[in-house]
Amino acid sequence: MVSKIFQRYLQVTASVGLKTPIQATTTSVIRACPLFSPATAQQPVSLTAGRSATSEGTRSYSTIFRKKLPYYQNSSLPSKFVGVEALALKQEAHLKKLQSLAREGLWKHLQRHTEHADSGFDWWMFPVDLPSRMQGERYTVDRQAISLLQSNPTFMDNYRQGVLLIAESWGWDLINRQDLTDQEKRWTGYDVRLGKMLHSLKLFQQVDLHRNLVYFIDKHHLKGCLEPWIHQYL
């Protein structure tokens, strides 16, 4: 199982022109990503916010976090899938935490992975069919798992609520395709989460949400600043 998934990882990275994990972490990539504030919500501007100057030069925000790519296999992590029931329970419990953060107006912890303990959740909120560096294969779903989860109405309702909530944190009403950008709800450039959502939506055949998320990307001219591996899920 591990070898097949790792072979898939190699195929995916090669198909989108990515280097090996070690090479990828030292590659300098500079892309100007549109960030939004209430004053510039209708006219995105290119900023260098989120970049960090290093001794090797200036790297983009997404390059710094490249180690968190969902296709990086770390063999030292537990590789056994937790099972569909455990995944569904984990997702339901974490959705409540995200809803609580939203009610408190703490949208930044939904927008990106922060220091907050509940800000890391992509693995079970938007599961995909490839291992991750942080979780190994604990939340990696195959076709059988996806089918079982799709037949679980509670899981799918929570799944869709999670997608809508994260999109709202980015200042976007995913159902009505309306801009909700304000001081707290805005796009912050964290494309790793966006990429995982797109990938997962395709796997779970959520055509409407996927289509509207792609529309969000097009509307705000984000495609050019996304990591290369994300493009295959647009």
Protein backbone atom coordinates (compact mmCIF):
# COMPACT_ATOMS: atom_id res chain seq x y z
CA MET A 1 0.00 0.00 0.00
CA VAL A 2 2.77 2.42 0.98
CA SER A 3 4.83 1.70 -2.11
CA LYS A 4 1.87 2.18 -4.46
CA ILE A 5 0.97 5.52 -2.92
CA PHE A 6 4.59 6.65 -2.97
CA GLN A 7 4.82 5.66 -6.63
CA ARG A 8 1.73 7.79 -7.21
CA TYR A 9 3.45 10.67 -5.45
CA LEU A 10 6.44 10.37 -7.79
CA GLN A 11 4.16 10.30 -10.83
CA VAL A 12 2.24 13.38 -9.69
CA THR A 13 5.32 15.44 -8.88
CA ALA A 14 6.93 14.50 -12.19
CA SER A 15 3.77 15.34 -14.15
CA VAL A 16 3.69 18.90 -12.83
CA GLY A 17 7.43 19.45 -13.01
CA LEU A 18 8.17 19.40 -9.29
CA LYS A 19 11.57 18.38 -8.03
CA THR A 20 12.23 15.82 -5.34
CA PRO A 21 11.17 16.84 -1.80
CA ILE A 22 14.71 17.79 -0.76
CA GLN A 23 15.28 19.80 -3.93
CA ALA A 24 11.87 21.43 -3.60
CA THR A 25 12.61 22.79 -0.13
CA THR A 26 15.67 24.67 -1.39
CA THR A 27 14.24 25.97 -4.66
CA SER A 28 13.61 29.72 -4.76
CA VAL A 29 10.32 30.69 -6.34
CA ILE A 30 9.06 34.25 -6.42
CA ARG A 31 5.44 34.94 -7.39
CA ALA A 32 3.44 38.06 -6.67
CA CYS A 33 0.08 37.00 -5.20
CA PRO A 34 -2.93 39.30 -4.98
CA LEU A 35 -3.88 39.97 -1.38
CA PHE A 36 -7.08 41.74 -0.43
CA SER A 37 -8.23 44.32 2.06
CA PRO A 38 -11.62 46.05 2.30
CA ALA A 39 -10.20 49.12 0.59
CA THR A 40 -8.92 47.12 -2.39
CA ALA A 41 -11.47 44.31 -2.54
CA GLN A 42 -12.57 45.13 -6.07
CA GLN A 43 -9.06 45.78 -7.42
CA PRO A 44 -6.53 43.25 -6.15
CA VAL A 45 -3.00 44.49 -5.90
CA SER A 46 0.23 42.54 -6.05
CA LEU A 47 2.10 42.63 -2.78
CA THR A 48 5.17 40.93 -1.44
CA ALA A 49 3.58 40.41 1.98
CA GLY A 50 4.33 37.00 3.37
CA ARG A 51 7.77 36.77 1.79
CA SER A 52 10.84 36.30 3.88
CA ALA A 53 14.39 37.39 3.04
CA THR A 54 16.94 34.68 3.65
CA SER A 55 20.65 34.29 3.10
CA GLU A 56 19.79 32.43 -0.10
CA GLY A 57 17.64 35.26 -1.40
CA THR A 58 13.97 36.12 -1.23
CA ARG A 59 11.54 33.22 -1.26
CA SER A 60 7.77 33.34 -1.64
CA TYR A 61 5.44 32.53 1.23
CA SER A 62 4.36 29.30 -0.47
CA THR A 63 7.96 28.20 -1.01
CA ILE A 64 8.73 28.59 2.68
CA PHE A 65 5.84 26.26 3.46
CA ARG A 66 6.61 23.84 0.63
CA LYS A 67 7.46 21.15 3.20
CA LYS A 68 3.74 20.99 3.96
CA LEU A 69 2.88 19.81 0.46
CA PRO A 70 0.32 16.99 0.64
CA TYR A 71 2.50 14.74 -1.53
CA TYR A 72 5.55 14.52 0.69
CA GLN A 73 5.85 11.04 2.16
CA ASN A 74 7.59 10.80 5.51
CA SER A 75 8.19 7.11 6.17
CA SER A 76 8.73 7.70 9.90
CA LEU A 77 5.05 8.61 10.37
CA PRO A 78 2.28 6.07 11.12
CA SER A 79 0.98 4.82 7.78
CA LYS A 80 -2.17 2.99 8.80
CA PHE A 81 -5.47 4.55 7.73
CA VAL A 82 -7.62 5.42 10.76
CA GLY A 83 -10.78 4.16 9.05
CA VAL A 84 -13.85 5.93 7.71
CA GLU A 85 -15.69 6.02 11.04
CA ALA A 86 -12.78 7.58 12.91
CA LEU A 87 -12.20 10.06 10.09
CA ALA A 88 -15.88 11.08 10.08
CA LEU A 89 -15.88 11.59 13.85
CA LYS A 90 -12.66 13.60 13.69
CA GLN A 91 -14.11 15.78 10.96
CA GLU A 92 -17.38 16.40 12.82
CA ALA A 93 -15.60 17.35 16.03
CA HIS A 94 -13.24 19.73 14.26
CA LEU A 95 -16.01 21.40 12.27
CA LYS A 96 -17.53 22.47 15.60
CA LYS A 97 -14.18 23.98 16.60
CA LEU A 98 -13.98 25.91 13.32
CA GLN A 99 -17.54 27.15 13.70
CA SER A 100 -16.69 28.34 17.20
CA LEU A 101 -13.65 30.24 15.91
CA ALA A 102 -15.81 31.81 13.21
CA ARG A 103 -18.41 32.93 15.73
CA GLU A 104 -15.64 34.61 17.72
CA GLY A 105 -14.41 36.35 14.57
CA LEU A 106 -11.08 34.51 14.65
CA TRP A 107 -11.08 33.91 10.90
CA LYS A 108 -7.30 33.96 10.56
CA HIS A 109 -7.12 30.49 12.09
CA LEU A 110 -9.37 29.20 9.30
CA GLN A 111 -7.55 31.05 6.54
CA ARG A 112 -4.17 29.47 7.13
CA HIS A 113 -2.16 27.26 9.47
CA THR A 114 -1.28 29.47 12.44
CA GLU A 115 0.01 28.94 15.97
CA HIS A 116 -3.53 28.02 17.07
CA ALA A 117 -3.97 24.32 17.85
CA ASP A 118 -7.15 24.09 15.77
CA SER A 119 -5.77 25.77 12.63
CA GLY A 120 -4.33 22.56 11.16
CA PHE A 121 -7.18 20.42 9.84
CA ASP A 122 -6.93 19.86 6.09
CA TRP A 123 -6.17 16.16 6.48
CA TRP A 124 -9.57 15.19 7.90
CA MET A 125 -11.71 18.13 6.78
CA PHE A 126 -10.70 17.72 3.12
CA PRO A 127 -9.17 14.23 2.79
CA VAL A 128 -7.26 13.27 -0.34
CA ASP A 129 -5.84 10.07 -1.83
CA LEU A 130 -2.16 10.87 -1.25
CA PRO A 131 -0.10 10.79 1.97
CA SER A 132 0.98 13.94 3.75
CA ARG A 133 4.22 14.87 5.43
CA MET A 134 2.48 15.69 8.70
CA GLN A 135 0.05 12.76 8.95
CA GLY A 136 1.48 10.01 6.77
CA GLU A 137 -1.43 7.86 5.52
CA ARG A 138 -3.63 8.22 8.60
CA TYR A 139 -6.19 10.24 6.67
CA THR A 140 -5.37 9.11 3.13
CA VAL A 141 -8.54 7.88 1.42
CA ASP A 142 -8.74 5.33 -1.39
CA ARG A 143 -11.71 4.75 -3.70
CA GLN A 144 -13.44 2.43 -1.27
CA ALA A 145 -13.11 4.89 1.61
CA ILE A 146 -14.34 7.75 -0.56
CA SER A 147 -17.37 5.71 -1.63
CA LEU A 148 -18.23 4.85 1.97
CA LEU A 149 -17.86 8.45 3.07
CA GLN A 150 -19.97 9.69 0.18
CA SER A 151 -22.76 7.38 1.33
CA ASN A 152 -22.63 8.94 4.80
CA PRO A 153 -24.99 11.98 4.69
CA THR A 154 -23.68 13.41 7.96
CA PHE A 155 -20.09 13.30 6.76
CA MET A 156 -20.96 14.90 3.43
CA ASP A 157 -23.01 17.64 5.07
CA ASN A 158 -20.13 18.41 7.44
CA TYR A 159 -17.69 18.22 4.55
CA ARG A 160 -19.60 20.82 2.53
CA GLN A 161 -20.08 23.06 5.57
CA GLY A 162 -16.34 22.97 6.13
CA VAL A 163 -15.61 24.01 2.55
CA LEU A 164 -18.13 26.86 2.71
CA LEU A 165 -16.72 28.05 6.02
CA ILE A 166 -13.13 28.20 4.80
CA ALA A 167 -14.22 30.00 1.64
CA GLU A 168 -16.06 32.51 3.84
CA SER A 169 -12.87 33.09 5.82
CA TRP A 170 -11.30 34.10 2.49
CA GLY A 171 -14.10 36.62 1.97
CA TRP A 172 -16.10 34.55 -0.49
CA ASP A 173 -19.68 33.23 -0.48
CA LEU A 174 -19.11 29.98 -2.36
CA ILE A 175 -22.78 29.27 -3.02
CA ASN A 176 -23.80 32.69 -4.35
CA ARG A 177 -20.40 33.69 -5.77
CA GLN A 178 -20.40 36.92 -3.80
CA ASP A 179 -17.51 38.87 -2.31
CA LEU A 180 -17.65 39.04 1.50
CA THR A 181 -14.24 40.62 1.99
CA ASP A 182 -13.86 42.75 5.11
CA GLN A 183 -11.15 43.47 7.66
CA GLU A 184 -11.09 39.88 8.92
CA LYS A 185 -12.37 37.81 5.98
CA ARG A 186 -9.88 37.98 3.15
CA TRP A 187 -7.53 35.99 0.97
CA THR A 188 -4.14 35.67 2.67
CA GLY A 189 -2.20 33.74 0.04
CA TYR A 190 -2.20 30.34 1.77
CA ASP A 191 -2.58 28.30 -1.41
CA VAL A 192 -1.68 24.96 0.20
CA ARG A 193 -5.10 24.82 1.88
CA LEU A 194 -6.79 25.94 -1.31
CA GLY A 195 -5.01 23.23 -3.30
CA LYS A 196 -6.00 20.49 -0.87
CA MET A 197 -9.61 21.65 -1.01
CA LEU A 198 -9.65 21.59 -4.80
CA HIS A 199 -8.10 18.11 -4.85
CA SER A 200 -10.56 16.77 -2.29
CA LEU A 201 -13.59 18.32 -4.00
CA LYS A 202 -12.68 16.52 -7.20
CA LEU A 203 -12.28 13.20 -5.40
CA PHE A 204 -15.64 13.56 -3.64
CA GLN A 205 -17.30 14.75 -6.86
CA GLN A 206 -18.59 18.00 -5.38
CA VAL A 207 -18.88 19.61 -8.79
CA ASP A 208 -20.77 22.73 -7.73
CA LEU A 209 -18.39 23.70 -4.94
CA HIS A 210 -15.34 22.92 -7.05
CA ARG A 211 -16.65 25.00 -9.94
CA ASN A 212 -17.39 27.95 -7.69
CA LEU A 213 -14.00 27.71 -6.00
CA VAL A 214 -12.31 27.83 -9.40
CA TYR A 215 -14.47 30.87 -10.18
CA PHE A 216 -13.11 32.50 -6.99
CA ILE A 217 -9.58 31.85 -8.25
CA ASP A 218 -10.35 33.32 -11.67
CA LYS A 219 -12.25 36.29 -10.25
CA HIS A 220 -9.32 37.32 -8.08
CA HIS A 221 -6.56 36.43 -10.56
CA LEU A 222 -4.92 33.86 -8.28
CA LYS A 223 -3.96 31.20 -10.80
CA GLY A 224 -0.59 32.69 -11.62
CA CYS A 225 0.61 32.59 -8.01
CA LEU A 226 -0.54 29.07 -7.12
CA GLU A 227 1.93 26.26 -6.55
CA PRO A 228 2.36 24.21 -9.77
CA TRP A 229 0.88 21.03 -8.25
CA ILE A 230 -2.44 22.82 -7.69
CA HIS A 231 -3.07 23.48 -11.38
CA GLN A 232 -4.05 19.89 -12.14
CA TYR A 233 -7.02 20.23 -9.77
CA LEU A 234 -8.48 23.37 -11.34
